[in-house]
Amino acid sequence: MWWTYPRGSVHYDVMVTLILVFIFLAPLRVNFKDKPLERAPHPTRVVIVPDGAGGFVYRVEATAVHGSNDAEVRESLLQIIEPIAGEVQLTRWEAVKDNRGHTNEYKAWVAARP
């Protein structure tokens, strides 16, 4: 047996004291390298809101979307949304503009690929 000393004996008290000293002082002196992994945040701000019909609308900042025509914008939206949602099909999208006519964000409705 590993621990044969009765409770309350000098040997028991010394071992318990050593264990407590290690528990409380070791983190200050020993680097256990057990820190949590730092995860890089997603490079774009994507907000996901329910659409009221059981699906979701992905709101993507306009600065993250690149493209000059509909096909390029659609592809750019898919490249941003698929790492978050998995393989999806972009059913429709629309640009949200401010009162000056500048595009602030895009709303994208997606569905799971069949």
N, C-alpha and C. Protein backbone atom coordinates (compact mmCIF):
# COMPACT_ATOMS: atom_id res chain seq x y z
N MET A 1 0.84 -1.18 0.00
CA MET A 1 0.00 0.00 0.00
C MET A 1 0.88 1.24 0.00
N TRP A 2 0.39 2.26 -0.60
CA TRP A 2 1.14 3.50 -0.72
C TRP A 2 1.10 4.32 0.56
N TRP A 3 -0.03 4.33 1.22
CA TRP A 3 -0.22 5.22 2.35
C TRP A 3 -0.59 4.36 3.56
N THR A 4 0.41 4.08 4.38
CA THR A 4 0.16 3.19 5.52
C THR A 4 0.18 3.92 6.85
N TYR A 5 0.42 5.23 6.83
CA TYR A 5 0.48 5.98 8.09
C TYR A 5 -0.93 6.33 8.55
N PRO A 6 -1.19 6.15 9.84
CA PRO A 6 -2.53 6.48 10.35
C PRO A 6 -2.73 8.00 10.38
N ARG A 7 -3.95 8.39 10.26
CA ARG A 7 -4.29 9.80 10.28
C ARG A 7 -3.95 10.40 11.64
N GLY A 8 -3.37 11.59 11.61
CA GLY A 8 -2.99 12.25 12.85
C GLY A 8 -1.56 11.97 13.27
N SER A 9 -0.87 11.06 12.58
CA SER A 9 0.52 10.79 12.94
C SER A 9 1.41 11.88 12.35
N VAL A 10 2.66 11.93 12.81
CA VAL A 10 3.60 12.94 12.34
C VAL A 10 3.86 12.76 10.84
N HIS A 11 4.03 11.53 10.40
CA HIS A 11 4.29 11.26 8.98
C HIS A 11 3.13 11.74 8.11
N TYR A 12 1.93 11.47 8.55
CA TYR A 12 0.73 11.89 7.82
C TYR A 12 0.68 13.42 7.73
N ASP A 13 0.90 14.08 8.86
CA ASP A 13 0.86 15.55 8.89
C ASP A 13 1.93 16.16 7.99
N VAL A 14 3.13 15.58 7.98
CA VAL A 14 4.20 16.10 7.13
C VAL A 14 3.83 15.93 5.65
N MET A 15 3.31 14.78 5.27
CA MET A 15 2.94 14.54 3.88
C MET A 15 1.81 15.47 3.44
N VAL A 16 0.81 15.65 4.26
CA VAL A 16 -0.29 16.56 3.93
C VAL A 16 0.23 17.99 3.80
N THR A 17 1.12 18.40 4.67
CA THR A 17 1.70 19.74 4.60
C THR A 17 2.49 19.92 3.31
N LEU A 18 3.28 18.92 2.92
CA LEU A 18 4.04 19.01 1.67
C LEU A 18 3.11 19.09 0.45
N ILE A 19 2.05 18.32 0.49
CA ILE A 19 1.09 18.36 -0.62
C ILE A 19 0.44 19.74 -0.71
N LEU A 20 0.04 20.30 0.41
CA LEU A 20 -0.58 21.63 0.41
C LEU A 20 0.40 22.72 -0.04
N VAL A 21 1.66 22.61 0.40
CA VAL A 21 2.67 23.58 -0.02
C VAL A 21 2.84 23.50 -1.54
N PHE A 22 2.89 22.30 -2.09
CA PHE A 22 3.02 22.14 -3.54
C PHE A 22 1.82 22.74 -4.26
N ILE A 23 0.63 22.46 -3.77
CA ILE A 23 -0.58 22.96 -4.42
C ILE A 23 -0.61 24.49 -4.46
N PHE A 24 -0.24 25.13 -3.38
CA PHE A 24 -0.36 26.58 -3.29
C PHE A 24 0.85 27.34 -3.81
N LEU A 25 2.03 26.74 -3.79
CA LEU A 25 3.23 27.47 -4.22
C LEU A 25 3.73 27.09 -5.61
N ALA A 26 3.41 25.90 -6.07
CA ALA A 26 3.90 25.47 -7.37
C ALA A 26 3.40 26.34 -8.52
N PRO A 27 2.15 26.76 -8.56
CA PRO A 27 1.72 27.59 -9.69
C PRO A 27 2.51 28.88 -9.82
N LEU A 28 3.09 29.36 -8.75
CA LEU A 28 3.89 30.58 -8.81
C LEU A 28 5.27 30.31 -9.40
N ARG A 29 5.80 29.13 -9.22
CA ARG A 29 7.17 28.82 -9.63
C ARG A 29 7.25 27.93 -10.88
N VAL A 30 6.29 27.07 -11.08
CA VAL A 30 6.36 26.09 -12.15
C VAL A 30 5.41 26.51 -13.28
N ASN A 31 5.90 26.46 -14.51
CA ASN A 31 5.06 26.75 -15.65
C ASN A 31 4.55 25.43 -16.21
N PHE A 32 3.28 25.14 -15.98
CA PHE A 32 2.71 23.87 -16.42
C PHE A 32 2.29 23.89 -17.89
N LYS A 33 2.31 25.06 -18.51
CA LYS A 33 1.93 25.24 -19.92
C LYS A 33 0.55 24.67 -20.20
N ASP A 34 -0.38 24.95 -19.32
CA ASP A 34 -1.74 24.46 -19.50
C ASP A 34 -2.73 25.60 -19.69
N LYS A 35 -2.27 26.67 -20.33
CA LYS A 35 -3.14 27.80 -20.57
C LYS A 35 -4.12 27.46 -21.68
N PRO A 36 -5.31 28.05 -21.66
CA PRO A 36 -6.27 27.77 -22.72
C PRO A 36 -5.77 28.27 -24.07
N LEU A 37 -6.20 27.60 -25.11
CA LEU A 37 -5.81 27.99 -26.46
C LEU A 37 -6.45 29.33 -26.80
N GLU A 38 -5.67 30.18 -27.41
CA GLU A 38 -6.23 31.44 -27.87
C GLU A 38 -6.75 31.23 -29.28
N ARG A 39 -8.01 31.51 -29.46
CA ARG A 39 -8.62 31.36 -30.77
C ARG A 39 -8.74 32.72 -31.42
N ALA A 40 -8.31 32.78 -32.64
CA ALA A 40 -8.42 34.04 -33.37
C ALA A 40 -9.89 34.30 -33.68
N PRO A 41 -10.36 35.50 -33.44
CA PRO A 41 -11.75 35.79 -33.78
C PRO A 41 -11.95 35.77 -35.29
N HIS A 42 -13.17 35.59 -35.69
CA HIS A 42 -13.48 35.59 -37.11
C HIS A 42 -13.10 36.95 -37.67
N PRO A 43 -12.45 37.00 -38.84
CA PRO A 43 -11.96 38.27 -39.35
C PRO A 43 -13.05 39.27 -39.72
N THR A 44 -14.27 38.81 -39.87
CA THR A 44 -15.36 39.73 -40.18
C THR A 44 -16.43 39.62 -39.10
N ARG A 45 -17.15 40.69 -38.95
CA ARG A 45 -18.25 40.67 -37.98
C ARG A 45 -19.48 40.16 -38.69
N VAL A 46 -19.96 39.01 -38.26
CA VAL A 46 -21.15 38.40 -38.84
C VAL A 46 -22.17 38.26 -37.72
N VAL A 47 -23.36 38.79 -37.96
CA VAL A 47 -24.44 38.69 -37.00
C VAL A 47 -25.50 37.76 -37.58
N ILE A 48 -25.93 36.81 -36.78
CA ILE A 48 -26.92 35.83 -37.23
C ILE A 48 -28.21 36.09 -36.48
N VAL A 49 -29.29 36.32 -37.23
CA VAL A 49 -30.59 36.58 -36.62
C VAL A 49 -31.62 35.64 -37.24
N PRO A 50 -32.63 35.23 -36.46
CA PRO A 50 -33.67 34.38 -37.03
C PRO A 50 -34.51 35.18 -38.03
N ASP A 51 -34.98 34.49 -39.07
CA ASP A 51 -35.77 35.18 -40.09
C ASP A 51 -37.27 35.09 -39.84
N GLY A 52 -37.69 34.40 -38.79
CA GLY A 52 -39.11 34.28 -38.47
C GLY A 52 -39.79 33.12 -39.16
N ALA A 53 -39.11 32.47 -40.08
CA ALA A 53 -39.70 31.34 -40.80
C ALA A 53 -38.91 30.06 -40.53
N GLY A 54 -38.16 30.03 -39.44
CA GLY A 54 -37.40 28.85 -39.09
C GLY A 54 -35.98 28.85 -39.64
N GLY A 55 -35.60 29.87 -40.35
CA GLY A 55 -34.25 29.97 -40.90
C GLY A 55 -33.48 31.10 -40.25
N PHE A 56 -32.36 31.45 -40.86
CA PHE A 56 -31.51 32.50 -40.32
C PHE A 56 -31.10 33.47 -41.41
N VAL A 57 -30.87 34.71 -40.99
CA VAL A 57 -30.33 35.74 -41.88
C VAL A 57 -28.95 36.08 -41.35
N TYR A 58 -27.97 36.06 -42.23
CA TYR A 58 -26.60 36.40 -41.87
C TYR A 58 -26.36 37.84 -42.31
N ARG A 59 -26.01 38.69 -41.36
CA ARG A 59 -25.70 40.09 -41.66
C ARG A 59 -24.18 40.25 -41.65
N VAL A 60 -23.62 40.64 -42.79
CA VAL A 60 -22.17 40.70 -42.98
C VAL A 60 -21.78 42.14 -43.26
N GLU A 61 -20.71 42.62 -42.62
CA GLU A 61 -20.22 43.97 -42.88
C GLU A 61 -19.84 44.12 -44.34
N ALA A 62 -20.15 45.26 -44.90
CA ALA A 62 -19.87 45.50 -46.32
C ALA A 62 -18.37 45.54 -46.60
N THR A 63 -17.57 45.94 -45.63
CA THR A 63 -16.12 46.02 -45.86
C THR A 63 -15.51 44.64 -46.06
N ALA A 64 -16.18 43.59 -45.63
CA ALA A 64 -15.64 42.23 -45.77
C ALA A 64 -16.01 41.60 -47.11
N VAL A 65 -17.01 42.16 -47.77
CA VAL A 65 -17.50 41.59 -49.02
C VAL A 65 -16.82 42.28 -50.18
N HIS A 66 -16.28 41.48 -51.09
CA HIS A 66 -15.57 42.02 -52.24
C HIS A 66 -16.27 41.57 -53.51
N GLY A 67 -16.31 42.44 -54.46
CA GLY A 67 -16.90 42.09 -55.75
C GLY A 67 -17.56 43.29 -56.38
N SER A 68 -17.55 43.30 -57.70
CA SER A 68 -18.15 44.41 -58.41
C SER A 68 -19.44 44.01 -59.12
N ASN A 69 -19.70 42.71 -59.22
CA ASN A 69 -20.96 42.27 -59.82
C ASN A 69 -21.63 41.26 -58.90
N ASP A 70 -22.84 40.86 -59.27
CA ASP A 70 -23.63 39.97 -58.41
C ASP A 70 -22.95 38.63 -58.15
N ALA A 71 -22.33 38.06 -59.15
CA ALA A 71 -21.67 36.75 -58.99
C ALA A 71 -20.50 36.84 -58.01
N GLU A 72 -19.72 37.91 -58.09
CA GLU A 72 -18.59 38.06 -57.18
C GLU A 72 -19.04 38.33 -55.75
N VAL A 73 -20.09 39.14 -55.59
CA VAL A 73 -20.63 39.41 -54.25
C VAL A 73 -21.19 38.13 -53.65
N ARG A 74 -21.92 37.36 -54.46
CA ARG A 74 -22.48 36.08 -53.99
C ARG A 74 -21.37 35.13 -53.53
N GLU A 75 -20.31 35.03 -54.31
CA GLU A 75 -19.20 34.15 -53.96
C GLU A 75 -18.49 34.63 -52.70
N SER A 76 -18.32 35.93 -52.58
CA SER A 76 -17.68 36.49 -51.39
C SER A 76 -18.52 36.24 -50.14
N LEU A 77 -19.83 36.39 -50.25
CA LEU A 77 -20.71 36.10 -49.11
C LEU A 77 -20.62 34.63 -48.70
N LEU A 78 -20.59 33.74 -49.68
CA LEU A 78 -20.48 32.31 -49.37
C LEU A 78 -19.15 32.00 -48.69
N GLN A 79 -18.07 32.64 -49.12
CA GLN A 79 -16.77 32.39 -48.50
C GLN A 79 -16.75 32.85 -47.04
N ILE A 80 -17.54 33.85 -46.71
CA ILE A 80 -17.60 34.34 -45.33
C ILE A 80 -18.54 33.49 -44.49
N ILE A 81 -19.67 33.09 -45.06
CA ILE A 81 -20.72 32.40 -44.29
C ILE A 81 -20.42 30.91 -44.11
N GLU A 82 -19.86 30.25 -45.11
CA GLU A 82 -19.69 28.79 -45.03
C GLU A 82 -18.78 28.33 -43.89
N PRO A 83 -17.70 29.04 -43.51
CA PRO A 83 -16.95 28.57 -42.34
C PRO A 83 -17.76 28.61 -41.05
N ILE A 84 -18.79 29.43 -41.02
CA ILE A 84 -19.64 29.53 -39.83
C ILE A 84 -20.79 28.53 -39.88
N ALA A 85 -21.45 28.45 -41.03
CA ALA A 85 -22.68 27.67 -41.15
C ALA A 85 -22.49 26.30 -41.78
N GLY A 86 -21.33 26.04 -42.35
CA GLY A 86 -21.14 24.80 -43.08
C GLY A 86 -21.55 25.00 -44.53
N GLU A 87 -21.70 23.91 -45.26
CA GLU A 87 -22.07 24.02 -46.67
C GLU A 87 -23.52 24.45 -46.78
N VAL A 88 -23.72 25.62 -47.33
CA VAL A 88 -25.07 26.17 -47.48
C VAL A 88 -25.24 26.70 -48.89
N GLN A 89 -26.49 26.95 -49.21
CA GLN A 89 -26.84 27.53 -50.50
C GLN A 89 -27.39 28.92 -50.22
N LEU A 90 -26.86 29.91 -50.89
CA LEU A 90 -27.31 31.30 -50.73
C LEU A 90 -28.59 31.47 -51.54
N THR A 91 -29.72 31.61 -50.85
CA THR A 91 -30.99 31.71 -51.56
C THR A 91 -31.24 33.13 -52.07
N ARG A 92 -30.89 34.12 -51.26
CA ARG A 92 -30.98 35.51 -51.71
C ARG A 92 -30.15 36.38 -50.81
N TRP A 93 -29.84 37.57 -51.30
CA TRP A 93 -29.09 38.53 -50.51
C TRP A 93 -29.50 39.93 -50.93
N GLU A 94 -29.29 40.86 -50.03
CA GLU A 94 -29.58 42.26 -50.35
C GLU A 94 -28.60 43.17 -49.63
N ALA A 95 -28.30 44.28 -50.27
CA ALA A 95 -27.40 45.27 -49.68
C ALA A 95 -28.23 46.22 -48.81
N VAL A 96 -27.72 46.52 -47.62
CA VAL A 96 -28.37 47.47 -46.72
C VAL A 96 -27.59 48.77 -46.83
N LYS A 97 -28.28 49.82 -47.26
CA LYS A 97 -27.62 51.10 -47.49
C LYS A 97 -28.03 52.12 -46.44
N ASP A 98 -27.13 53.09 -46.19
CA ASP A 98 -27.47 54.18 -45.28
C ASP A 98 -28.21 55.27 -46.05
N ASN A 99 -28.50 56.39 -45.40
CA ASN A 99 -29.29 57.44 -46.05
C ASN A 99 -28.52 58.15 -47.16
N ARG A 100 -27.21 57.95 -47.25
CA ARG A 100 -26.42 58.54 -48.33
C ARG A 100 -26.25 57.60 -49.52
N GLY A 101 -26.72 56.39 -49.38
CA GLY A 101 -26.62 55.42 -50.46
C GLY A 101 -25.41 54.52 -50.40
N HIS A 102 -24.64 54.60 -49.31
CA HIS A 102 -23.47 53.75 -49.13
C HIS A 102 -23.90 52.42 -48.52
N THR A 103 -23.34 51.35 -49.02
CA THR A 103 -23.67 50.03 -48.49
C THR A 103 -22.95 49.81 -47.17
N ASN A 104 -23.72 49.56 -46.10
CA ASN A 104 -23.17 49.30 -44.77
C ASN A 104 -22.96 47.81 -44.52
N GLU A 105 -23.92 47.01 -44.96
CA GLU A 105 -23.86 45.58 -44.72
C GLU A 105 -24.68 44.85 -45.76
N TYR A 106 -24.54 43.54 -45.75
CA TYR A 106 -25.32 42.68 -46.62
C TYR A 106 -26.13 41.73 -45.75
N LYS A 107 -27.37 41.49 -46.14
CA LYS A 107 -28.19 40.47 -45.50
C LYS A 107 -28.23 39.28 -46.46
N ALA A 108 -27.95 38.11 -45.93
CA ALA A 108 -27.91 36.91 -46.76
C ALA A 108 -28.80 35.83 -46.15
N TRP A 109 -29.71 35.32 -46.94
CA TRP A 109 -30.57 34.22 -46.52
C TRP A 109 -29.99 32.93 -47.09
N VAL A 110 -29.82 31.95 -46.25
CA VAL A 110 -29.19 30.70 -46.70
C VAL A 110 -30.07 29.51 -46.37
N ALA A 111 -29.83 28.44 -47.09
CA ALA A 111 -30.50 27.16 -46.84
C ALA A 111 -29.46 26.06 -46.93
N ALA A 112 -29.71 24.98 -46.25
CA ALA A 112 -28.79 23.84 -46.29
C ALA A 112 -28.80 23.27 -47.71
N ARG A 113 -27.61 22.83 -48.15
CA ARG A 113 -27.53 22.23 -49.48
C ARG A 113 -28.23 20.87 -49.48
N PRO A 114 -28.98 20.62 -50.53
CA PRO A 114 -29.69 19.32 -50.60
C PRO A 114 -28.75 18.17 -50.86
